[in-house]
Amino acid sequence: MGYKGAMPWKESVAMDERVQMVCAYQSGQAKSDLAFAYGVSRKTIYKWLNRFKHESWDGLRERARAPHAHPNASDPEIVRRIVELRAEHPFWGAPKLRQKLLEAYGPERTPAESTVSAILKRHGLTRPAGRIARATPSSAPLRHVTAANQLWTIDVKGQFYLGNRARCYPLTLCDAHSRYLLGCRAYTCMPGIDLAQAAMKDVFRQHGLPETIRSDNGSPFASTGLGGLTELSVWWLRLGIGLERIEPAHPEQNGRHERMHRTLKEATANPPRKNLKEQQRAFDEFQSEYNEQRPHEALGQQAPTRRYERSARAYPEKLPEQRGYPENWPTCRPNRDGLVRFGGHQFRISCALADQYVGFCPVGEKLWAINFEGMNLGLFDQRNGKVQPWPTGSEKEPPEDYNI
């Protein structure tokens, strides 16, 4: 074999060059001559000849240049636990998984959130990010709460079909301060007043009564009648629970509850269960995990159960008597059609107030505020017998320029 001159090995033909070099060495050429012929150092010749000696022709193949050991590599036990936690909680992201690692291994052994995220990605356990919707600014921001049971939120999640093609309507109830999921009940029809009341009685017996309940303006929580009352909201008022409603077509004003609904759907309805019984079982399992295990970023990565405590106001099995009205307030009771006769006029207040005592507070010359359990519902003008809804956002006394 003749010399090729001082020409370095090219990567594209490196394997062929090494084979030729070994063959030349076996034919009797000196190592120093081979180094000169192939334009490499004698150390390189020794390396490849040594590999050939121990590994035959496979030893001449290029090896990965990555180091066999990484000083900053993640602990294999931690990596394995991250993968296991992801399997147990497929909808948890890196922040929540890291919180569980902190609880199990402490801050010294727990990797950064970015490392947990990288491990998930490396194992193919990440989901593509969805499109971020631009939220409409709320004109009535969520009431600021500082303690559990100051404000509960209630809603019926949009229907979906079960495996047997029956519809499912989940009725959900949350504590706004702790994000604690108080109840999640599945129905095959839109829950009316009776179903909603039965579900809420179970929640009230277990957790006590809140100060206020926030809802949307749909049935069975609200109506288009005076004060937006329904039999359900009248029952709340009789229990001493205040009412708070979001603006129509503004679900973002109940954003915490809507976010919980998204998590509920991901965990229990993709895919939905075969029938209502199995779907309710899935809801119950979700409620337990959501309250007791799932860390929440807004709670400093604590589970809701760490922030929630039972209300000091116990649920009375017997509905309390109506609170009394001041002596100078005339009262009357609407009939089953919601009609009352007062001041020489007959007019409709609300069917939801049938057989309930309603007070008339004098607020001006033949002007009366229609009040029920401390809530002003409307303004009655005795001069013409007309009733108008109580002005939104007004205080106890209506403005002087209020148009009758």
Protein backbone atom coordinates (compact mmCIF):
# COMPACT_ATOMS: atom_id res chain seq x y z
CA MET A 1 0.00 0.00 0.00
CA GLY A 2 1.50 3.37 -1.01
CA TYR A 3 1.55 6.51 1.07
CA LYS A 4 -1.23 9.08 0.55
CA GLY A 5 0.66 12.08 1.87
CA ALA A 6 -0.33 14.21 4.88
CA MET A 7 -4.10 14.28 4.31
CA PRO A 8 -6.42 14.17 7.39
CA TRP A 9 -9.22 11.59 7.49
CA LYS A 10 -12.57 12.83 6.15
CA GLU A 11 -15.65 12.05 8.19
CA SER A 12 -17.55 10.64 5.20
CA VAL A 13 -14.92 7.93 4.58
CA ALA A 14 -13.47 7.63 8.08
CA MET A 15 -14.53 4.00 8.53
CA ASP A 16 -12.95 3.01 5.20
CA GLU A 17 -9.73 4.84 6.11
CA ARG A 18 -9.48 2.98 9.42
CA VAL A 19 -10.05 -0.38 7.77
CA GLN A 20 -7.30 0.37 5.24
CA MET A 21 -4.98 1.48 8.05
CA VAL A 22 -5.51 -1.80 9.95
CA CYS A 23 -4.93 -3.81 6.80
CA ALA A 24 -1.70 -1.88 6.13
CA TYR A 25 -0.55 -2.50 9.71
CA GLN A 26 -1.28 -6.23 9.38
CA SER A 27 0.78 -6.27 6.15
CA GLY A 28 3.82 -5.06 8.11
CA GLN A 29 3.81 -1.26 7.89
CA ALA A 30 5.21 0.62 10.90
CA LYS A 31 2.90 2.72 13.08
CA SER A 32 4.98 5.86 12.53
CA ASP A 33 4.69 5.41 8.76
CA LEU A 34 0.92 4.97 9.05
CA ALA A 35 0.64 8.19 11.09
CA PHE A 36 2.52 10.09 8.39
CA ALA A 37 0.56 8.47 5.58
CA TYR A 38 -2.85 9.30 7.05
CA GLY A 39 -1.91 12.69 8.47
CA VAL A 40 -2.77 11.83 12.07
CA SER A 41 -0.78 11.45 15.26
CA ARG A 42 0.75 8.17 16.39
CA LYS A 43 -1.53 8.37 19.43
CA THR A 44 -4.52 8.15 17.09
CA ILE A 45 -3.03 5.12 15.30
CA TYR A 46 -2.47 3.42 18.66
CA LYS A 47 -6.09 4.19 19.69
CA TRP A 48 -7.67 2.57 16.62
CA LEU A 49 -5.35 -0.40 16.62
CA ASN A 50 -6.13 -1.00 20.28
CA ARG A 51 -9.85 -0.84 19.63
CA PHE A 52 -9.48 -3.30 16.74
CA LYS A 53 -7.54 -5.64 18.99
CA HIS A 54 -10.31 -5.74 21.62
CA GLU A 55 -13.47 -5.19 19.56
CA SER A 56 -12.56 -6.35 16.06
CA TRP A 57 -14.00 -4.32 13.16
CA ASP A 58 -16.89 -2.87 15.26
CA GLY A 59 -14.29 -1.07 17.33
CA LEU A 60 -13.47 1.14 14.35
CA ARG A 61 -16.93 2.75 14.33
CA GLU A 62 -17.36 6.30 15.65
CA ARG A 63 -18.75 6.48 19.18
CA ALA A 64 -21.07 9.08 20.63
CA ARG A 65 -19.12 12.02 21.98
CA ALA A 66 -21.52 12.69 24.82
CA PRO A 67 -20.01 12.00 28.25
CA HIS A 68 -21.04 8.75 29.91
CA ALA A 69 -21.79 10.53 33.16
CA HIS A 70 -23.28 13.97 33.75
CA PRO A 71 -22.42 15.57 37.10
CA ASN A 72 -25.64 17.64 36.98
CA ALA A 73 -27.93 14.83 35.78
CA SER A 74 -31.22 14.40 37.64
CA ASP A 75 -31.44 11.70 40.26
CA PRO A 76 -32.85 8.56 38.54
CA GLU A 77 -35.16 8.02 41.52
CA ILE A 78 -36.56 11.54 41.12
CA VAL A 79 -37.01 11.05 37.37
CA ARG A 80 -38.84 7.79 37.96
CA ARG A 81 -41.09 9.43 40.55
CA ILE A 82 -41.94 12.29 38.20
CA VAL A 83 -43.02 9.81 35.54
CA GLU A 84 -45.06 7.87 38.13
CA LEU A 85 -46.76 11.03 39.42
CA ARG A 86 -47.62 12.05 35.88
CA ALA A 87 -49.23 8.66 35.30
CA GLU A 88 -51.24 9.05 38.51
CA HIS A 89 -52.25 12.64 37.67
CA PRO A 90 -52.18 13.00 33.86
CA PHE A 91 -53.53 16.56 33.93
CA TRP A 92 -51.04 17.99 36.42
CA GLY A 93 -48.27 20.20 35.10
CA ALA A 94 -44.71 20.73 36.31
CA PRO A 95 -45.57 23.17 39.17
CA LYS A 96 -48.02 20.76 40.81
CA LEU A 97 -45.79 17.72 40.32
CA ARG A 98 -42.83 19.61 41.78
CA GLN A 99 -44.90 20.47 44.86
CA LYS A 100 -45.44 16.75 45.47
CA LEU A 101 -41.70 16.15 45.10
CA LEU A 102 -41.00 18.89 47.64
CA GLU A 103 -43.32 17.22 50.12
CA ALA A 104 -41.64 13.81 49.58
CA TYR A 105 -37.96 14.69 49.12
CA GLY A 106 -37.49 18.22 50.47
CA PRO A 107 -35.92 21.22 48.71
CA GLU A 108 -32.40 19.75 48.57
CA ARG A 109 -33.29 16.86 46.28
CA THR A 110 -36.17 18.42 44.37
CA PRO A 111 -35.22 19.81 40.93
CA ALA A 112 -36.36 23.18 39.62
CA GLU A 113 -39.71 23.51 37.88
CA SER A 114 -37.94 23.93 34.53
CA THR A 115 -36.11 20.63 35.11
CA VAL A 116 -39.36 18.83 35.93
CA SER A 117 -40.85 20.27 32.74
CA ALA A 118 -37.80 19.12 30.72
CA ILE A 119 -38.07 15.61 32.16
CA LEU A 120 -41.76 15.45 31.20
CA LYS A 121 -40.91 16.61 27.69
CA ARG A 122 -38.06 14.11 27.37
CA HIS A 123 -40.45 11.28 28.23
CA GLY A 124 -43.15 12.51 25.87
CA LEU A 125 -45.49 13.46 28.73
CA THR A 126 -46.29 17.04 27.78
CA ARG A 127 -49.41 18.24 25.98
CA PRO A 128 -49.39 20.86 23.25
CA ALA A 129 -50.36 24.25 24.59
CA GLY A 130 -53.82 25.36 23.56
CA ARG A 131 -54.66 28.73 22.14
CA ILE A 132 -54.86 31.40 24.83
CA ALA A 133 -58.16 33.21 24.61
CA ARG A 134 -58.19 36.93 25.22
CA ALA A 135 -60.51 37.53 28.17
CA THR A 136 -63.05 40.32 28.11
CA PRO A 137 -62.38 42.79 30.97
CA SER A 138 -64.92 42.39 33.73
CA SER A 139 -66.99 45.42 34.68
CA ALA A 140 -67.97 43.73 37.95
CA PRO A 141 -64.87 42.00 39.34
CA LEU A 142 -65.20 39.04 41.62
CA ARG A 143 -65.89 40.10 45.17
CA HIS A 144 -62.76 40.12 47.29
CA VAL A 145 -62.94 37.45 49.96
CA THR A 146 -60.55 36.90 52.85
CA ALA A 147 -61.94 33.79 54.52
CA ALA A 148 -63.71 30.56 53.77
CA ASN A 149 -67.52 30.62 53.49
CA GLN A 150 -67.74 34.35 52.80
CA LEU A 151 -68.69 33.58 49.20
CA TRP A 152 -69.71 30.36 47.50
CA THR A 153 -70.12 30.06 43.74
CA ILE A 154 -72.62 27.80 42.01
CA ASP A 155 -73.19 26.83 38.39
CA VAL A 156 -74.42 24.11 36.05
CA LYS A 157 -71.69 23.05 33.64
CA GLY A 158 -72.66 22.73 30.01
CA GLN A 159 -74.21 19.40 29.11
CA PHE A 160 -72.30 16.55 27.49
CA TYR A 161 -73.27 13.07 26.32
CA LEU A 162 -72.43 9.91 28.24
CA GLY A 163 -71.40 6.66 26.61
CA ASN A 164 -75.02 5.48 26.53
CA ARG A 165 -76.00 8.79 24.77
CA ALA A 166 -77.80 10.09 27.84
CA ARG A 167 -77.13 13.72 28.66
CA CYS A 168 -75.22 14.79 31.75
CA TYR A 169 -75.61 18.12 33.56
CA PRO A 170 -73.15 18.62 36.46
CA LEU A 171 -74.26 20.96 39.25
CA THR A 172 -71.17 22.31 41.03
CA LEU A 173 -70.62 24.40 44.15
CA CYS A 174 -67.29 25.92 45.31
CA ASP A 175 -65.89 28.08 48.07
CA ALA A 176 -64.38 31.18 46.44
CA HIS A 177 -61.64 31.74 49.02
CA SER A 178 -60.16 28.24 49.26
CA ARG A 179 -61.29 26.91 45.82
CA TYR A 180 -62.69 23.95 47.77
CA LEU A 181 -65.13 21.95 45.63
CA LEU A 182 -68.11 21.57 47.94
CA GLY A 183 -70.26 19.46 45.65
CA CYS A 184 -70.50 18.01 42.15
CA ARG A 185 -73.76 16.24 41.32
CA ALA A 186 -74.61 14.68 37.95
CA TYR A 187 -78.12 14.82 36.46
CA THR A 188 -79.62 13.60 33.19
CA CYS A 189 -81.66 16.79 32.82
CA MET A 190 -81.16 20.45 33.64
CA PRO A 191 -81.57 20.49 37.43
CA GLY A 192 -84.63 22.42 38.51
CA ILE A 193 -85.38 23.93 41.87
CA ASP A 194 -86.22 20.61 43.59
CA LEU A 195 -83.05 18.83 42.45
CA ALA A 196 -80.82 21.82 43.18
CA GLN A 197 -82.35 22.31 46.61
CA ALA A 198 -81.91 18.64 47.50
CA ALA A 199 -78.25 18.75 46.45
CA MET A 200 -77.65 21.95 48.40
CA LYS A 201 -79.23 20.56 51.54
CA ASP A 202 -76.61 17.79 51.52
CA VAL A 203 -73.83 20.38 51.12
CA PHE A 204 -75.31 22.65 53.83
CA ARG A 205 -75.55 19.75 56.27
CA GLN A 206 -71.92 18.83 55.66
CA HIS A 207 -70.33 22.28 55.45
CA GLY A 208 -72.77 24.74 57.05
CA LEU A 209 -74.07 27.96 55.47
CA PRO A 210 -72.12 30.63 53.56
CA GLU A 211 -72.59 34.39 53.86
CA THR A 212 -73.30 34.86 50.13
CA ILE A 213 -73.84 32.73 47.03
CA ARG A 214 -72.80 33.96 43.58
CA SER A 215 -74.53 32.59 40.48
CA ASP A 216 -75.28 33.45 36.88
CA ASN A 217 -78.69 34.69 35.76
CA GLY A 218 -80.04 31.37 34.55
CA SER A 219 -82.50 28.89 35.98
CA PRO A 220 -82.83 27.69 38.69
CA PHE A 221 -80.76 30.43 40.34
CA ALA A 222 -82.39 33.54 38.89
CA SER A 223 -85.36 34.69 36.83
CA THR A 224 -86.54 37.74 34.93
CA GLY A 225 -89.05 38.58 37.66
CA LEU A 226 -88.74 41.31 40.24
CA GLY A 227 -85.42 40.99 42.03
CA GLY A 228 -84.56 38.06 39.76
CA LEU A 229 -85.93 35.75 42.44
CA THR A 230 -86.71 32.04 42.13
CA GLU A 231 -87.99 29.66 44.76
CA LEU A 232 -84.38 28.55 45.25
CA SER A 233 -83.01 32.06 45.83
CA VAL A 234 -85.97 32.86 48.11
CA TRP A 235 -84.98 29.81 50.15
CA TRP A 236 -81.40 31.11 50.32
CA LEU A 237 -82.62 34.49 51.57
CA ARG A 238 -84.79 32.82 54.21
CA LEU A 239 -81.66 31.00 55.40
CA GLY A 240 -79.87 34.34 55.75
CA ILE A 241 -77.69 33.88 52.65
CA GLY A 242 -77.02 36.94 50.50
CA LEU A 243 -77.38 36.89 46.72
CA GLU A 244 -74.75 37.96 44.20
CA ARG A 245 -75.10 37.57 40.44
CA ILE A 246 -72.72 38.04 37.55
CA GLU A 247 -73.69 40.23 34.60
CA PRO A 248 -75.55 38.46 31.79
CA ALA A 249 -73.23 36.91 29.17
CA HIS A 250 -70.13 37.49 31.34
CA PRO A 251 -69.03 34.06 32.65
CA GLU A 252 -65.51 35.44 33.17
CA GLN A 253 -66.87 37.26 36.24
CA ASN A 254 -67.11 33.79 37.77
CA GLY A 255 -63.67 32.92 36.43
CA ARG A 256 -62.50 30.74 39.32
CA HIS A 257 -65.53 28.51 38.93
CA GLU A 258 -65.19 28.35 35.14
CA ARG A 259 -61.53 27.33 35.49
CA MET A 260 -62.55 24.52 37.82
CA HIS A 261 -65.08 23.38 35.22
CA ARG A 262 -62.32 23.13 32.61
CA THR A 263 -60.25 20.93 34.90
CA LEU A 264 -63.34 18.85 35.73
CA LYS A 265 -64.02 18.24 32.04
CA GLU A 266 -60.41 17.25 31.29
CA ALA A 267 -60.31 14.77 34.16
CA THR A 268 -63.77 13.18 33.96
CA ALA A 269 -65.35 13.74 30.53
CA ASN A 270 -62.52 13.00 28.06
CA PRO A 271 -63.91 10.49 27.37
CA PRO A 272 -67.19 10.56 29.32
CA ARG A 273 -68.18 7.52 31.35
CA LYS A 274 -70.61 4.85 30.19
CA ASN A 275 -73.62 5.89 32.29
CA LEU A 276 -74.69 8.35 34.98
CA LYS A 277 -73.67 6.10 37.87
CA GLU A 278 -70.12 5.72 36.57
CA GLN A 279 -69.93 9.43 35.74
CA GLN A 280 -70.95 10.32 39.29
CA ARG A 281 -68.26 7.99 40.59
CA ALA A 282 -65.73 9.82 38.41
CA PHE A 283 -66.97 13.16 39.79
CA ASP A 284 -66.61 11.90 43.37
CA GLU A 285 -63.04 10.72 42.73
CA PHE A 286 -62.20 14.05 41.07
CA GLN A 287 -63.67 16.00 44.00
CA SER A 288 -61.54 14.06 46.48
CA GLU A 289 -58.33 14.56 44.47
CA TYR A 290 -59.10 18.21 43.68
CA ASN A 291 -59.69 19.09 47.32
CA GLU A 292 -57.11 16.94 49.10
CA GLN A 293 -54.20 16.32 46.69
CA ARG A 294 -54.08 18.78 43.80
CA PRO A 295 -51.84 21.80 44.57
CA HIS A 296 -53.28 25.15 43.53
CA GLU A 297 -51.00 27.95 42.34
CA ALA A 298 -53.26 30.68 43.74
CA LEU A 299 -53.00 28.99 47.16
CA GLY A 300 -49.20 28.84 47.18
CA GLN A 301 -49.27 25.27 45.79
CA GLN A 302 -51.42 24.09 48.69
CA ALA A 303 -54.44 21.85 48.28
CA PRO A 304 -57.84 23.52 48.93
CA THR A 305 -58.43 21.40 52.03
CA ARG A 306 -55.54 23.25 53.71
CA ARG A 307 -57.46 26.54 53.38
CA TYR A 308 -61.04 25.44 53.91
CA GLU A 309 -62.84 25.02 57.20
CA ARG A 310 -66.47 24.28 57.96
CA SER A 311 -68.80 27.24 58.36
CA ALA A 312 -69.75 28.21 61.90
CA ARG A 313 -73.34 28.72 60.69
CA ALA A 314 -75.10 25.36 60.93
CA TYR A 315 -77.91 24.45 58.56
CA PRO A 316 -81.31 24.57 60.32
CA GLU A 317 -83.45 21.57 59.39
CA LYS A 318 -86.51 23.72 60.05
CA LEU A 319 -86.69 26.95 58.04
CA PRO A 320 -86.39 29.95 60.39
CA GLU A 321 -89.26 32.37 60.76
CA GLN A 322 -89.09 35.42 58.54
CA ARG A 323 -87.25 38.36 60.00
CA GLY A 324 -89.63 41.09 61.14
CA TYR A 325 -90.11 44.43 59.37
CA PRO A 326 -90.11 47.82 61.12
CA GLU A 327 -93.45 48.87 62.59
CA ASN A 328 -93.97 51.66 60.06
CA TRP A 329 -93.62 49.26 57.13
CA PRO A 330 -96.89 47.84 55.80
CA THR A 331 -96.64 44.15 54.81
CA CYS A 332 -98.56 41.81 52.55
CA ARG A 333 -98.31 38.30 51.14
CA PRO A 334 -98.36 37.64 47.38
CA ASN A 335 -100.69 34.87 46.24
CA ARG A 336 -99.57 31.88 44.16
CA ASP A 337 -99.61 34.11 41.06
CA GLY A 338 -97.34 36.65 42.76
CA LEU A 339 -100.11 39.28 42.99
CA VAL A 340 -100.59 41.66 45.93
CA ARG A 341 -103.11 44.38 46.70
CA PHE A 342 -101.60 47.48 48.27
CA GLY A 343 -102.35 51.23 48.28
CA GLY A 344 -105.52 50.80 46.27
CA HIS A 345 -103.75 48.87 43.47
CA GLN A 346 -103.24 45.24 42.55
CA PHE A 347 -99.92 44.37 40.96
CA ARG A 348 -97.51 41.49 40.46
CA ILE A 349 -94.32 41.12 42.49
CA SER A 350 -93.05 37.55 41.97
CA CYS A 351 -94.50 34.05 41.96
CA ALA A 352 -91.40 32.96 43.88
CA LEU A 353 -92.64 35.01 46.84
CA ALA A 354 -96.01 33.28 47.12
CA ASP A 355 -97.10 33.17 50.79
CA GLN A 356 -94.00 35.10 51.90
CA TYR A 357 -94.33 38.39 53.80
CA VAL A 358 -93.11 41.38 51.80
CA GLY A 359 -92.43 44.77 53.41
CA PHE A 360 -93.09 48.22 51.94
CA CYS A 361 -90.57 50.83 53.10
CA PRO A 362 -91.69 54.47 52.70
CA VAL A 363 -89.01 56.32 50.71
CA GLY A 364 -90.91 59.39 49.46
CA GLU A 365 -94.32 60.90 48.70
CA LYS A 366 -96.38 57.77 47.95
CA LEU A 367 -93.20 55.94 46.96
CA TRP A 368 -92.45 52.57 48.51
CA ALA A 369 -89.41 50.30 48.35
CA ILE A 370 -90.53 46.68 48.06
CA ASN A 371 -88.32 44.67 50.42
CA PHE A 372 -87.89 40.99 51.18
CA GLU A 373 -85.51 39.74 53.86
CA GLY A 374 -83.43 42.91 53.68
CA MET A 375 -83.24 42.94 49.86
CA ASN A 376 -84.86 45.79 47.94
CA LEU A 377 -86.68 44.31 44.95
CA GLY A 378 -88.44 47.23 43.35
CA LEU A 379 -90.02 50.66 43.70
CA PHE A 380 -93.81 51.04 43.85
CA ASP A 381 -95.43 54.36 42.87
CA GLN A 382 -98.79 54.52 44.62
CA ARG A 383 -99.88 57.43 42.40
CA ASN A 384 -100.09 55.32 39.25
CA GLY A 385 -99.80 51.75 40.59
CA LYS A 386 -96.59 51.06 38.66
CA VAL A 387 -93.69 48.92 39.87
CA GLN A 388 -90.18 49.28 38.56
CA PRO A 389 -87.14 47.15 39.41
CA TRP A 390 -84.86 48.54 42.08
CA PRO A 391 -82.07 50.53 40.37
CA THR A 392 -78.90 48.45 40.05
CA GLY A 393 -76.05 49.67 42.22
CA SER A 394 -78.19 52.05 44.30
CA GLU A 395 -77.99 52.27 48.05
CA LYS A 396 -80.89 51.79 50.43
CA GLU A 397 -82.43 55.09 49.38
CA PRO A 398 -83.12 55.55 45.63
CA PRO A 399 -81.57 58.59 43.92
CA GLU A 400 -83.72 61.76 43.91
CA ASP A 401 -83.76 61.91 40.11
CA TYR A 402 -84.90 58.27 39.76
CA ASN A 403 -87.43 58.25 36.92
CA ILE A 404 -90.82 56.93 38.03
